Amino acid sequence: MFNCDKPDKETFFVDLDGTLCKFNRDPENVPDEMIDSVWHFVLDQYRKGNYIVITTARSKAHMKYFFRWTGIDSKMFHAIITDLPRLCRTVINDHVMGGDPLAAAINLVRNEGLRSMS
């Protein structure tokens, strides 16, 4: 997808609040609202056999509310990394000898989904 010199599959690290679902300050009491364009993109990647890793500043305890509100099966995600600080996330990766980098980033406007790419 990103012109990386890579094997057939990719790993997608997907932020939760503001990216996969609308930013939610009170996930215990306020239902999570999915951002359709990102959700459909992630679902499509999952169906292609790609690896999906959720990253979030939410606590592990608060993740149960996300799954309860949305009805999504947590098994769809290959890993869920919780309790991250609300700081910039940087990927450090290598590239195949003489090939393209094996990492790419898509930075979206909070709560705007993939339409913010245009």
PDB file of N, CA and C in Angstrom:
ATOM      1  N   MET A   1       0.810  -1.192   0.000  1.00  0.00           N
ATOM      2  CA  MET A   1       0.000   0.000   0.000  1.00  0.00           C
ATOM      3  C   MET A   1       0.860   1.264   0.000  1.00  0.00           C
ATOM      4  N   PHE A   2       1.971   1.259   0.711  1.00  0.00           N
ATOM      5  CA  PHE A   2       2.782   2.457   0.840  1.00  0.00           C
ATOM      6  C   PHE A   2       4.088   2.359   0.087  1.00  0.00           C
ATOM      7  N   ASN A   3       4.148   1.519  -0.918  1.00  0.00           N
ATOM      8  CA  ASN A   3       5.341   1.389  -1.749  1.00  0.00           C
ATOM      9  C   ASN A   3       6.571   1.004  -0.924  1.00  0.00           C
ATOM     10  N   CYS A   4       6.345   0.188   0.096  1.00  0.00           N
ATOM     11  CA  CYS A   4       7.453  -0.334   0.880  1.00  0.00           C
ATOM     12  C   CYS A   4       7.906  -1.635   0.233  1.00  0.00           C
ATOM     13  N   ASP A   5       9.193  -1.848   0.182  1.00  0.00           N
ATOM     14  CA  ASP A   5       9.729  -3.108  -0.320  1.00  0.00           C
ATOM     15  C   ASP A   5       9.554  -4.122   0.801  1.00  0.00           C
ATOM     16  N   LYS A   6       8.453  -4.844   0.787  1.00  0.00           N
ATOM     17  CA  LYS A   6       8.049  -5.655   1.919  1.00  0.00           C
ATOM     18  C   LYS A   6       7.404  -6.954   1.484  1.00  0.00           C
ATOM     19  N   PRO A   7       7.203  -7.862   2.439  1.00  0.00           N
ATOM     20  CA  PRO A   7       6.454  -9.076   2.130  1.00  0.00           C
ATOM     21  C   PRO A   7       4.990  -8.754   1.849  1.00  0.00           C
ATOM     22  N   ASP A   8       4.207  -9.793   1.638  1.00  0.00           N
ATOM     23  CA  ASP A   8       2.799  -9.640   1.255  1.00  0.00           C
ATOM     24  C   ASP A   8       1.930  -8.959   2.306  1.00  0.00           C
ATOM     25  N   LYS A   9       2.309  -9.033   3.556  1.00  0.00           N
ATOM     26  CA  LYS A   9       1.467  -8.504   4.638  1.00  0.00           C
ATOM     27  C   LYS A   9       2.093  -7.266   5.265  1.00  0.00           C
ATOM     28  N   GLU A  10       1.252  -6.477   5.895  1.00  0.00           N
ATOM     29  CA  GLU A  10       1.696  -5.268   6.577  1.00  0.00           C
ATOM     30  C   GLU A  10       1.183  -5.278   8.007  1.00  0.00           C
ATOM     31  N   THR A  11       1.779  -4.466   8.842  1.00  0.00           N
ATOM     32  CA  THR A  11       1.285  -4.226  10.192  1.00  0.00           C
ATOM     33  C   THR A  11       0.823  -2.783  10.268  1.00  0.00           C
ATOM     34  N   PHE A  12      -0.399  -2.581  10.729  1.00  0.00           N
ATOM     35  CA  PHE A  12      -0.965  -1.242  10.885  1.00  0.00           C
ATOM     36  C   PHE A  12      -1.093  -0.933  12.371  1.00  0.00           C
ATOM     37  N   PHE A  13      -0.417   0.120  12.823  1.00  0.00           N
ATOM     38  CA  PHE A  13      -0.558   0.623  14.178  1.00  0.00           C
ATOM     39  C   PHE A  13      -1.611   1.723  14.105  1.00  0.00           C
ATOM     40  N   VAL A  14      -2.745   1.521  14.756  1.00  0.00           N
ATOM     41  CA  VAL A  14      -3.880   2.435  14.625  1.00  0.00           C
ATOM     42  C   VAL A  14      -4.208   3.039  15.985  1.00  0.00           C
ATOM     43  N   ASP A  15      -4.135   4.354  16.071  1.00  0.00           N
ATOM     44  CA  ASP A  15      -4.535   5.053  17.289  1.00  0.00           C
ATOM     45  C   ASP A  15      -6.045   4.917  17.461  1.00  0.00           C
ATOM     46  N   LEU A  16      -6.500   4.947  18.701  1.00  0.00           N
ATOM     47  CA  LEU A  16      -7.927   4.776  18.967  1.00  0.00           C
ATOM     48  C   LEU A  16      -8.678   6.115  18.947  1.00  0.00           C
ATOM     49  N   ASP A  17      -8.520   6.909  20.001  1.00  0.00           N
ATOM     50  CA  ASP A  17      -9.315   8.139  20.143  1.00  0.00           C
ATOM     51  C   ASP A  17      -8.881   9.209  19.153  1.00  0.00           C
ATOM     52  N   GLY A  18      -9.845   9.685  18.381  1.00  0.00           N
ATOM     53  CA  GLY A  18      -9.591  10.719  17.389  1.00  0.00           C
ATOM     54  C   GLY A  18      -9.189  10.167  16.041  1.00  0.00           C
ATOM     55  N   THR A  19      -8.910   8.846  15.983  1.00  0.00           N
ATOM     56  CA  THR A  19      -8.485   8.226  14.728  1.00  0.00           C
ATOM     57  C   THR A  19      -9.453   7.115  14.319  1.00  0.00           C
ATOM     58  N   LEU A  20      -9.563   6.068  15.131  1.00  0.00           N
ATOM     59  CA  LEU A  20     -10.497   4.975  14.828  1.00  0.00           C
ATOM     60  C   LEU A  20     -11.904   5.318  15.314  1.00  0.00           C
ATOM     61  N   CYS A  21     -11.976   6.009  16.440  1.00  0.00           N
ATOM     62  CA  CYS A  21     -13.271   6.478  16.939  1.00  0.00           C
ATOM     63  C   CYS A  21     -13.121   7.940  17.360  1.00  0.00           C
ATOM     64  N   LYS A  22     -14.248   8.619  17.489  1.00  0.00           N
ATOM     65  CA  LYS A  22     -14.224  10.024  17.899  1.00  0.00           C
ATOM     66  C   LYS A  22     -13.581  10.130  19.287  1.00  0.00           C
ATOM     67  N   PHE A  23     -12.829  11.206  19.491  1.00  0.00           N
ATOM     68  CA  PHE A  23     -12.183  11.428  20.781  1.00  0.00           C
ATOM     69  C   PHE A  23     -13.240  11.410  21.880  1.00  0.00           C
ATOM     70  N   ASN A  24     -12.959  10.662  22.936  1.00  0.00           N
ATOM     71  CA  ASN A  24     -13.948  10.437  23.991  1.00  0.00           C
ATOM     72  C   ASN A  24     -13.276  10.618  25.354  1.00  0.00           C
ATOM     73  N   ARG A  25     -13.653  11.671  26.057  1.00  0.00           N
ATOM     74  CA  ARG A  25     -13.064  11.942  27.375  1.00  0.00           C
ATOM     75  C   ARG A  25     -13.675  11.083  28.479  1.00  0.00           C
ATOM     76  N   ASP A  26     -14.837  10.470  28.234  1.00  0.00           N
ATOM     77  CA  ASP A  26     -15.539   9.706  29.271  1.00  0.00           C
ATOM     78  C   ASP A  26     -16.026   8.367  28.712  1.00  0.00           C
ATOM     79  N   PRO A  27     -15.083   7.460  28.376  1.00  0.00           N
ATOM     80  CA  PRO A  27     -15.481   6.206  27.718  1.00  0.00           C
ATOM     81  C   PRO A  27     -16.343   5.289  28.571  1.00  0.00           C
ATOM     82  N   GLU A  28     -16.370   5.503  29.892  1.00  0.00           N
ATOM     83  CA  GLU A  28     -17.225   4.673  30.739  1.00  0.00           C
ATOM     84  C   GLU A  28     -18.691   5.009  30.545  1.00  0.00           C
ATOM     85  N   ASN A  29     -19.001   6.280  30.283  1.00  0.00           N
ATOM     86  CA  ASN A  29     -20.389   6.743  30.255  1.00  0.00           C
ATOM     87  C   ASN A  29     -20.878   7.229  28.899  1.00  0.00           C
ATOM     88  N   VAL A  30     -19.951   7.526  27.994  1.00  0.00           N
ATOM     89  CA  VAL A  30     -20.321   8.053  26.683  1.00  0.00           C
ATOM     90  C   VAL A  30     -19.957   7.016  25.628  1.00  0.00           C
ATOM     91  N   PRO A  31     -20.934   6.569  24.831  1.00  0.00           N
ATOM     92  CA  PRO A  31     -20.629   5.556  23.809  1.00  0.00           C
ATOM     93  C   PRO A  31     -19.579   6.032  22.817  1.00  0.00           C
ATOM     94  N   ASP A  32     -18.689   5.117  22.457  1.00  0.00           N
ATOM     95  CA  ASP A  32     -17.710   5.428  21.420  1.00  0.00           C
ATOM     96  C   ASP A  32     -18.395   5.475  20.071  1.00  0.00           C
ATOM     97  N   GLU A  33     -17.998   6.448  19.268  1.00  0.00           N
ATOM     98  CA  GLU A  33     -18.545   6.629  17.925  1.00  0.00           C
ATOM     99  C   GLU A  33     -17.422   6.383  16.916  1.00  0.00           C
ATOM    100  N   MET A  34     -17.574   5.342  16.115  1.00  0.00           N
ATOM    101  CA  MET A  34     -16.555   4.989  15.138  1.00  0.00           C
ATOM    102  C   MET A  34     -16.454   6.058  14.052  1.00  0.00           C
ATOM    103  N   ILE A  35     -15.272   6.247  13.525  1.00  0.00           N
ATOM    104  CA  ILE A  35     -15.061   7.102  12.361  1.00  0.00           C
ATOM    105  C   ILE A  35     -15.074   6.153  11.167  1.00  0.00           C
ATOM    106  N   ASP A  36     -16.162   6.188  10.425  1.00  0.00           N
ATOM    107  CA  ASP A  36     -16.440   5.178   9.408  1.00  0.00           C
ATOM    108  C   ASP A  36     -15.319   4.962   8.402  1.00  0.00           C
ATOM    109  N   SER A  37     -14.738   6.039   7.899  1.00  0.00           N
ATOM    110  CA  SER A  37     -13.722   5.870   6.852  1.00  0.00           C
ATOM    111  C   SER A  37     -12.522   5.090   7.380  1.00  0.00           C
ATOM    112  N   VAL A  38     -12.118   5.367   8.606  1.00  0.00           N
ATOM    113  CA  VAL A  38     -10.969   4.655   9.186  1.00  0.00           C
ATOM    114  C   VAL A  38     -11.370   3.232   9.552  1.00  0.00           C
ATOM    115  N   TRP A  39     -12.548   3.070  10.144  1.00  0.00           N
ATOM    116  CA  TRP A  39     -13.006   1.730  10.511  1.00  0.00           C
ATOM    117  C   TRP A  39     -13.070   0.821   9.284  1.00  0.00           C
ATOM    118  N   HIS A  40     -13.627   1.294   8.191  1.00  0.00           N
ATOM    119  CA  HIS A  40     -13.727   0.470   6.980  1.00  0.00           C
ATOM    120  C   HIS A  40     -12.348   0.173   6.400  1.00  0.00           C
ATOM    121  N   PHE A  41     -11.444   1.131   6.485  1.00  0.00           N
ATOM    122  CA  PHE A  41     -10.069   0.909   6.038  1.00  0.00           C
ATOM    123  C   PHE A  41      -9.410  -0.183   6.876  1.00  0.00           C
ATOM    124  N   VAL A  42      -9.519  -0.080   8.191  1.00  0.00           N
ATOM    125  CA  VAL A  42      -8.919  -1.075   9.099  1.00  0.00           C
ATOM    126  C   VAL A  42      -9.556  -2.441   8.878  1.00  0.00           C
ATOM    127  N   LEU A  43     -10.863  -2.472   8.755  1.00  0.00           N
ATOM    128  CA  LEU A  43     -11.562  -3.736   8.522  1.00  0.00           C
ATOM    129  C   LEU A  43     -11.112  -4.383   7.215  1.00  0.00           C
ATOM    130  N   ASP A  44     -10.936  -3.583   6.179  1.00  0.00           N
ATOM    131  CA  ASP A  44     -10.450  -4.081   4.896  1.00  0.00           C
ATOM    132  C   ASP A  44      -9.038  -4.654   5.035  1.00  0.00           C
ATOM    133  N   GLN A  45      -8.190  -3.967   5.767  1.00  0.00           N
ATOM    134  CA  GLN A  45      -6.824  -4.467   5.972  1.00  0.00           C
ATOM    135  C   GLN A  45      -6.833  -5.778   6.759  1.00  0.00           C
ATOM    136  N   TYR A  46      -7.693  -5.854   7.756  1.00  0.00           N
ATOM    137  CA  TYR A  46      -7.827  -7.090   8.542  1.00  0.00           C
ATOM    138  C   TYR A  46      -8.268  -8.249   7.645  1.00  0.00           C
ATOM    139  N   ARG A  47      -9.250  -7.997   6.804  1.00  0.00           N
ATOM    140  CA  ARG A  47      -9.753  -9.039   5.898  1.00  0.00           C
ATOM    141  C   ARG A  47      -8.709  -9.479   4.884  1.00  0.00           C
ATOM    142  N   LYS A  48      -7.756  -8.602   4.567  1.00  0.00           N
ATOM    143  CA  LYS A  48      -6.656  -8.949   3.663  1.00  0.00           C
ATOM    144  C   LYS A  48      -5.570  -9.751   4.374  1.00  0.00           C
ATOM    145  N   GLY A  49      -5.735  -9.944   5.680  1.00  0.00           N
ATOM    146  CA  GLY A  49      -4.765 -10.714   6.440  1.00  0.00           C
ATOM    147  C   GLY A  49      -3.647  -9.895   7.037  1.00  0.00           C
ATOM    148  N   ASN A  50      -3.783  -8.579   6.988  1.00  0.00           N
ATOM    149  CA  ASN A  50      -2.772  -7.728   7.587  1.00  0.00           C
ATOM    150  C   ASN A  50      -2.933  -7.700   9.109  1.00  0.00           C
ATOM    151  N   TYR A  51      -1.892  -7.295   9.801  1.00  0.00           N
ATOM    152  CA  TYR A  51      -1.884  -7.262  11.253  1.00  0.00           C
ATOM    153  C   TYR A  51      -2.329  -5.885  11.728  1.00  0.00           C
ATOM    154  N   ILE A  52      -3.242  -5.876  12.703  1.00  0.00           N
ATOM    155  CA  ILE A  52      -3.789  -4.638  13.230  1.00  0.00           C
ATOM    156  C   ILE A  52      -3.414  -4.529  14.702  1.00  0.00           C
ATOM    157  N   VAL A  53      -2.716  -3.443  15.039  1.00  0.00           N
ATOM    158  CA  VAL A  53      -2.322  -3.176  16.415  1.00  0.00           C
ATOM    159  C   VAL A  53      -2.948  -1.849  16.828  1.00  0.00           C
ATOM    160  N   ILE A  54      -3.734  -1.877  17.894  1.00  0.00           N
ATOM    161  CA  ILE A  54      -4.341  -0.654  18.410  1.00  0.00           C
ATOM    162  C   ILE A  54      -3.378  -0.023  19.406  1.00  0.00           C
ATOM    163  N   THR A  55      -3.177   1.291  19.288  1.00  0.00           N
ATOM    164  CA  THR A  55      -2.380   2.036  20.257  1.00  0.00           C
ATOM    165  C   THR A  55      -3.282   3.103  20.862  1.00  0.00           C
ATOM    166  N   THR A  56      -3.164   3.288  22.174  1.00  0.00           N
ATOM    167  CA  THR A  56      -4.056   4.240  22.820  1.00  0.00           C
ATOM    168  C   THR A  56      -3.506   4.714  24.161  1.00  0.00           C
ATOM    169  N   ALA A  57      -3.896   5.912  24.526  1.00  0.00           N
ATOM    170  CA  ALA A  57      -3.586   6.423  25.859  1.00  0.00           C
ATOM    171  C   ALA A  57      -4.600   5.907  26.877  1.00  0.00           C
ATOM    172  N   ARG A  58      -5.690   5.323  26.393  1.00  0.00           N
ATOM    173  CA  ARG A  58      -6.681   4.773  27.324  1.00  0.00           C
ATOM    174  C   ARG A  58      -6.055   3.680  28.184  1.00  0.00           C
ATOM    175  N   SER A  59      -6.600   3.542  29.367  1.00  0.00           N
ATOM    176  CA  SER A  59      -6.145   2.458  30.235  1.00  0.00           C
ATOM    177  C   SER A  59      -6.702   1.129  29.716  1.00  0.00           C
ATOM    178  N   LYS A  60      -6.059   0.065  30.114  1.00  0.00           N
ATOM    179  CA  LYS A  60      -6.543  -1.273  29.738  1.00  0.00           C
ATOM    180  C   LYS A  60      -7.979  -1.456  30.243  1.00  0.00           C
ATOM    181  N   ALA A  61      -8.270  -0.963  31.438  1.00  0.00           N
ATOM    182  CA  ALA A  61      -9.616  -1.079  32.003  1.00  0.00           C
ATOM    183  C   ALA A  61     -10.658  -0.368  31.146  1.00  0.00           C
ATOM    184  N   HIS A  62     -10.288   0.772  30.548  1.00  0.00           N
ATOM    185  CA  HIS A  62     -11.242   1.523  29.726  1.00  0.00           C
ATOM    186  C   HIS A  62     -11.481   0.882  28.358  1.00  0.00           C
ATOM    187  N   MET A  63     -10.600  -0.001  27.923  1.00  0.00           N
ATOM    188  CA  MET A  63     -10.793  -0.647  26.619  1.00  0.00           C
ATOM    189  C   MET A  63     -12.043  -1.514  26.584  1.00  0.00           C
ATOM    190  N   LYS A  64     -12.435  -2.074  27.721  1.00  0.00           N
ATOM    191  CA  LYS A  64     -13.640  -2.919  27.737  1.00  0.00           C
ATOM    192  C   LYS A  64     -14.877  -2.127  27.317  1.00  0.00           C
ATOM    193  N   TYR A  65     -14.880  -0.826  27.617  1.00  0.00           N
ATOM    194  CA  TYR A  65     -16.028   0.000  27.229  1.00  0.00           C
ATOM    195  C   TYR A  65     -16.059   0.205  25.718  1.00  0.00           C
ATOM    196  N   PHE A  66     -14.888   0.371  25.115  1.00  0.00           N
ATOM    197  CA  PHE A  66     -14.835   0.487  23.656  1.00  0.00           C
ATOM    198  C   PHE A  66     -15.474  -0.738  23.002  1.00  0.00           C
ATOM    199  N   PHE A  67     -15.095  -1.920  23.442  1.00  0.00           N
ATOM    200  CA  PHE A  67     -15.637  -3.142  22.849  1.00  0.00           C
ATOM    201  C   PHE A  67     -17.112  -3.318  23.182  1.00  0.00           C
ATOM    202  N   ARG A  68     -17.511  -2.903  24.361  1.00  0.00           N
ATOM    203  CA  ARG A  68     -18.935  -2.994  24.739  1.00  0.00           C
ATOM    204  C   ARG A  68     -19.777  -2.045  23.883  1.00  0.00           C
ATOM    205  N   TRP A  69     -19.326  -0.788  23.750  1.00  0.00           N
ATOM    206  CA  TRP A  69     -20.101   0.211  22.993  1.00  0.00           C
ATOM    207  C   TRP A  69     -20.161  -0.133  21.504  1.00  0.00           C
ATOM    208  N   THR A  70     -19.055  -0.602  20.944  1.00  0.00           N
ATOM    209  CA  THR A  70     -18.997  -0.796  19.492  1.00  0.00           C
ATOM    210  C   THR A  70     -19.416  -2.196  19.047  1.00  0.00           C
ATOM    211  N   GLY A  71     -19.336  -3.175  19.936  1.00  0.00           N
ATOM    212  CA  GLY A  71     -19.659  -4.547  19.559  1.00  0.00           C
ATOM    213  C   GLY A  71     -18.558  -5.228  18.755  1.00  0.00           C
ATOM    214  N   ILE A  72     -17.402  -4.597  18.651  1.00  0.00           N
ATOM    215  CA  ILE A  72     -16.276  -5.169  17.912  1.00  0.00           C
ATOM    216  C   ILE A  72     -15.640  -6.272  18.750  1.00  0.00           C
ATOM    217  N   ASP A  73     -15.262  -7.362  18.104  1.00  0.00           N
ATOM    218  CA  ASP A  73     -14.580  -8.465  18.770  1.00  0.00           C
ATOM    219  C   ASP A  73     -13.109  -8.095  18.942  1.00  0.00           C
ATOM    220  N   SER A  74     -12.626  -8.118  20.162  1.00  0.00           N
ATOM    221  CA  SER A  74     -11.231  -7.740  20.430  1.00  0.00           C
ATOM    222  C   SER A  74     -10.240  -8.660  19.726  1.00  0.00           C
ATOM    223  N   LYS A  75     -10.660  -9.857  19.350  1.00  0.00           N
ATOM    224  CA  LYS A  75      -9.775 -10.806  18.674  1.00  0.00           C
ATOM    225  C   LYS A  75      -9.398 -10.341  17.274  1.00  0.00           C
ATOM    226  N   MET A  76     -10.104  -9.343  16.762  1.00  0.00           N
ATOM    227  CA  MET A  76      -9.776  -8.806  15.445  1.00  0.00           C
ATOM    228  C   MET A  76      -8.414  -8.113  15.465  1.00  0.00           C
ATOM    229  N   PHE A  77      -8.026  -7.628  16.635  1.00  0.00           N
ATOM    230  CA  PHE A  77      -6.771  -6.906  16.765  1.00  0.00           C
ATOM    231  C   PHE A  77      -5.687  -7.856  17.238  1.00  0.00           C
ATOM    232  N   HIS A  78      -4.557  -7.812  16.598  1.00  0.00           N
ATOM    233  CA  HIS A  78      -3.459  -8.716  16.936  1.00  0.00           C
ATOM    234  C   HIS A  78      -2.775  -8.302  18.227  1.00  0.00           C
ATOM    235  N   ALA A  79      -2.844  -7.035  18.566  1.00  0.00           N
ATOM    236  CA  ALA A  79      -2.322  -6.529  19.834  1.00  0.00           C
ATOM    237  C   ALA A  79      -3.021  -5.218  20.149  1.00  0.00           C
ATOM    238  N   ILE A  80      -3.116  -4.927  21.445  1.00  0.00           N
ATOM    239  CA  ILE A  80      -3.679  -3.667  21.908  1.00  0.00           C
ATOM    240  C   ILE A  80      -2.701  -3.113  22.925  1.00  0.00           C
ATOM    241  N   ILE A  81      -2.120  -1.953  22.604  1.00  0.00           N
ATOM    242  CA  ILE A  81      -1.149  -1.315  23.483  1.00  0.00           C
ATOM    243  C   ILE A  81      -1.852  -0.143  24.163  1.00  0.00           C
ATOM    244  N   THR A  82      -2.037  -0.256  25.470  1.00  0.00           N
ATOM    245  CA  THR A  82      -2.769   0.756  26.236  1.00  0.00           C
ATOM    246  C   THR A  82      -1.823   1.560  27.117  1.00  0.00           C
ATOM    247  N   ASP A  83      -2.388   2.562  27.770  1.00  0.00           N
ATOM    248  CA  ASP A  83      -1.686   3.376  28.764  1.00  0.00           C
ATOM    249  C   ASP A  83      -0.483   4.138  28.202  1.00  0.00           C
ATOM    250  N   LEU A  84      -0.514   4.452  26.912  1.00  0.00           N
ATOM    251  CA  LEU A  84       0.564   5.241  26.321  1.00  0.00           C
ATOM    252  C   LEU A  84       0.422   6.700  26.735  1.00  0.00           C
ATOM    253  N   PRO A  85       1.509   7.418  26.867  1.00  0.00           N
ATOM    254  CA  PRO A  85       1.387   8.848  27.167  1.00  0.00           C
ATOM    255  C   PRO A  85       0.797   9.574  25.957  1.00  0.00           C
ATOM    256  N   ARG A  86       0.184  10.689  26.219  1.00  0.00           N
ATOM    257  CA  ARG A  86      -0.390  11.504  25.143  1.00  0.00           C
ATOM    258  C   ARG A  86       0.703  12.363  24.524  1.00  0.00           C
ATOM    259  N   LEU A  87       1.624  11.696  23.848  1.00  0.00           N
ATOM    260  CA  LEU A  87       2.761  12.347  23.214  1.00  0.00           C
ATOM    261  C   LEU A  87       2.866  11.875  21.769  1.00  0.00           C
ATOM    262  N   CYS A  88       3.720  12.503  21.018  1.00  0.00           N
ATOM    263  CA  CYS A  88       3.993  12.098  19.650  1.00  0.00           C
ATOM    264  C   CYS A  88       4.505  10.658  19.635  1.00  0.00           C
ATOM    265  N   ARG A  89       4.038   9.870  18.694  1.00  0.00           N
ATOM    266  CA  ARG A  89       4.483   8.486  18.557  1.00  0.00           C
ATOM    267  C   ARG A  89       5.352   8.380  17.308  1.00  0.00           C
ATOM    268  N   THR A  90       6.533   7.901  17.483  1.00  0.00           N
ATOM    269  CA  THR A  90       7.492   7.798  16.401  1.00  0.00           C
ATOM    270  C   THR A  90       7.814   6.331  16.153  1.00  0.00           C
ATOM    271  N   VAL A  91       7.785   5.914  14.892  1.00  0.00           N
ATOM    272  CA  VAL A  91       8.150   4.553  14.507  1.00  0.00           C
ATOM    273  C   VAL A  91       9.602   4.565  14.052  1.00  0.00           C
ATOM    274  N   ILE A  92      10.378   3.664  14.578  1.00  0.00           N
ATOM    275  CA  ILE A  92      11.759   3.495  14.133  1.00  0.00           C
ATOM    276  C   ILE A  92      11.841   2.130  13.478  1.00  0.00           C
ATOM    277  N   ASN A  93      12.229   2.105  12.227  1.00  0.00           N
ATOM    278  CA  ASN A  93      12.242   0.862  11.465  1.00  0.00           C
ATOM    279  C   ASN A  93      13.395   0.906  10.470  1.00  0.00           C
ATOM    280  N   ASP A  94      13.685  -0.225   9.855  1.00  0.00           N
ATOM    281  CA  ASP A  94      14.781  -0.290   8.895  1.00  0.00           C
ATOM    282  C   ASP A  94      14.226  -0.353   7.470  1.00  0.00           C
ATOM    283  N   HIS A  95      15.111  -0.598   6.522  1.00  0.00           N
ATOM    284  CA  HIS A  95      14.697  -0.858   5.152  1.00  0.00           C
ATOM    285  C   HIS A  95      15.548  -2.016   4.631  1.00  0.00           C
ATOM    286  N   VAL A  96      15.005  -2.703   3.658  1.00  0.00           N
ATOM    287  CA  VAL A  96      15.720  -3.805   3.044  1.00  0.00           C
ATOM    288  C   VAL A  96      16.909  -3.231   2.281  1.00  0.00           C
ATOM    289  N   MET A  97      18.012  -3.918   2.314  1.00  0.00           N
ATOM    290  CA  MET A  97      19.221  -3.440   1.634  1.00  0.00           C
ATOM    291  C   MET A  97      18.897  -3.000   0.210  1.00  0.00           C
ATOM    292  N   GLY A  98      19.102  -1.727  -0.069  1.00  0.00           N
ATOM    293  CA  GLY A  98      18.845  -1.195  -1.396  1.00  0.00           C
ATOM    294  C   GLY A  98      17.376  -0.991  -1.706  1.00  0.00           C
ATOM    295  N   GLY A  99      16.500  -1.244  -0.731  1.00  0.00           N
ATOM    296  CA  GLY A  99      15.063  -1.128  -0.974  1.00  0.00           C
ATOM    297  C   GLY A  99      14.458   0.095  -0.312  1.00  0.00           C
ATOM    298  N   ASP A 100      13.170   0.195  -0.455  1.00  0.00           N
ATOM    299  CA  ASP A 100      12.437   1.300   0.146  1.00  0.00           C
ATOM    300  C   ASP A 100      12.327   1.096   1.656  1.00  0.00           C
ATOM    301  N   PRO A 101      12.043   2.166   2.402  1.00  0.00           N
ATOM    302  CA  PRO A 101      11.822   2.036   3.841  1.00  0.00           C
ATOM    303  C   PRO A 101      10.651   1.088   4.131  1.00  0.00           C
ATOM    304  N   LEU A 102      10.708   0.437   5.277  1.00  0.00           N
ATOM    305  CA  LEU A 102       9.638  -0.475   5.677  1.00  0.00           C
ATOM    306  C   LEU A 102       8.691   0.163   6.690  1.00  0.00           C
ATOM    307  N   ALA A 103       8.631   1.467   6.730  1.00  0.00           N
ATOM    308  CA  ALA A 103       7.697   2.161   7.608  1.00  0.00           C
ATOM    309  C   ALA A 103       7.106   3.359   6.877  1.00  0.00           C
ATOM    310  N   ALA A 104       5.860   3.638   7.189  1.00  0.00           N
ATOM    311  CA  ALA A 104       5.167   4.789   6.622  1.00  0.00           C
ATOM    312  C   ALA A 104       4.235   5.335   7.697  1.00  0.00           C
ATOM    313  N   ALA A 105       3.793   6.572   7.544  1.00  0.00           N
ATOM    314  CA  ALA A 105       2.873   7.168   8.510  1.00  0.00           C
ATOM    315  C   ALA A 105       1.761   7.898   7.771  1.00  0.00           C
ATOM    316  N   ILE A 106       0.563   7.805   8.339  1.00  0.00           N
ATOM    317  CA  ILE A 106      -0.579   8.588   7.875  1.00  0.00           C
ATOM    318  C   ILE A 106      -1.000   9.428   9.075  1.00  0.00           C
ATOM    319  N   ASN A 107      -0.903  10.724   8.980  1.00  0.00           N
ATOM    320  CA  ASN A 107      -1.316  11.605  10.067  1.00  0.00           C
ATOM    321  C   ASN A 107      -2.644  12.245   9.693  1.00  0.00           C
ATOM    322  N   LEU A 108      -3.669  11.962  10.487  1.00  0.00           N
ATOM    323  CA  LEU A 108      -5.015  12.461  10.221  1.00  0.00           C
ATOM    324  C   LEU A 108      -5.380  13.586  11.183  1.00  0.00           C
ATOM    325  N   VAL A 109      -6.280  14.440  10.761  1.00  0.00           N
ATOM    326  CA  VAL A 109      -6.838  15.454  11.640  1.00  0.00           C
ATOM    327  C   VAL A 109      -7.781  14.749  12.608  1.00  0.00           C
ATOM    328  N   ARG A 110      -7.663  15.050  13.905  1.00  0.00           N
ATOM    329  CA  ARG A 110      -8.490  14.379  14.919  1.00  0.00           C
ATOM    330  C   ARG A 110      -9.968  14.411  14.544  1.00  0.00           C
ATOM    331  N   ASN A 111     -10.596  13.251  14.638  1.00  0.00           N
ATOM    332  CA  ASN A 111     -12.025  13.028  14.398  1.00  0.00           C
ATOM    333  C   ASN A 111     -12.472  13.217  12.954  1.00  0.00           C
ATOM    334  N   GLU A 112     -11.545  13.476  12.030  1.00  0.00           N
ATOM    335  CA  GLU A 112     -11.908  13.726  10.628  1.00  0.00           C
ATOM    336  C   GLU A 112     -11.769  12.486   9.750  1.00  0.00           C
ATOM    337  N   GLY A 113     -11.093  11.463  10.206  1.00  0.00           N
ATOM    338  CA  GLY A 113     -10.942  10.245   9.421  1.00  0.00           C
ATOM    339  C   GLY A 113     -10.095  10.440   8.192  1.00  0.00           C
ATOM    340  N   LEU A 114     -10.253   9.539   7.255  1.00  0.00           N
ATOM    341  CA  LEU A 114      -9.411   9.541   6.047  1.00  0.00           C
ATOM    342  C   LEU A 114      -9.689  10.715   5.122  1.00  0.00           C
ATOM    343  N   ARG A 115     -10.821  11.364   5.246  1.00  0.00           N
ATOM    344  CA  ARG A 115     -11.112  12.521   4.384  1.00  0.00           C
ATOM    345  C   ARG A 115     -10.121  13.648   4.627  1.00  0.00           C
ATOM    346  N   SER A 116      -9.479  13.639   5.801  1.00  0.00           N
ATOM    347  CA  SER A 116      -8.516  14.705   6.097  1.00  0.00           C
ATOM    348  C   SER A 116      -7.207  14.527   5.324  1.00  0.00           C
ATOM    349  N   MET A 117      -7.075  13.415   4.586  1.00  0.00           N
ATOM    350  CA  MET A 117      -5.882  13.186   3.782  1.00  0.00           C
ATOM    351  C   MET A 117      -5.893  13.975   2.487  1.00  0.00           C
ATOM    352  N   SER A 118      -7.068  14.361   2.030  1.00  0.00           N
ATOM    353  CA  SER A 118      -7.166  15.035   0.729  1.00  0.00           C
ATOM    354  C   SER A 118      -6.819  16.495   0.796  1.00  0.00           C
TER     355      SER A 118
END
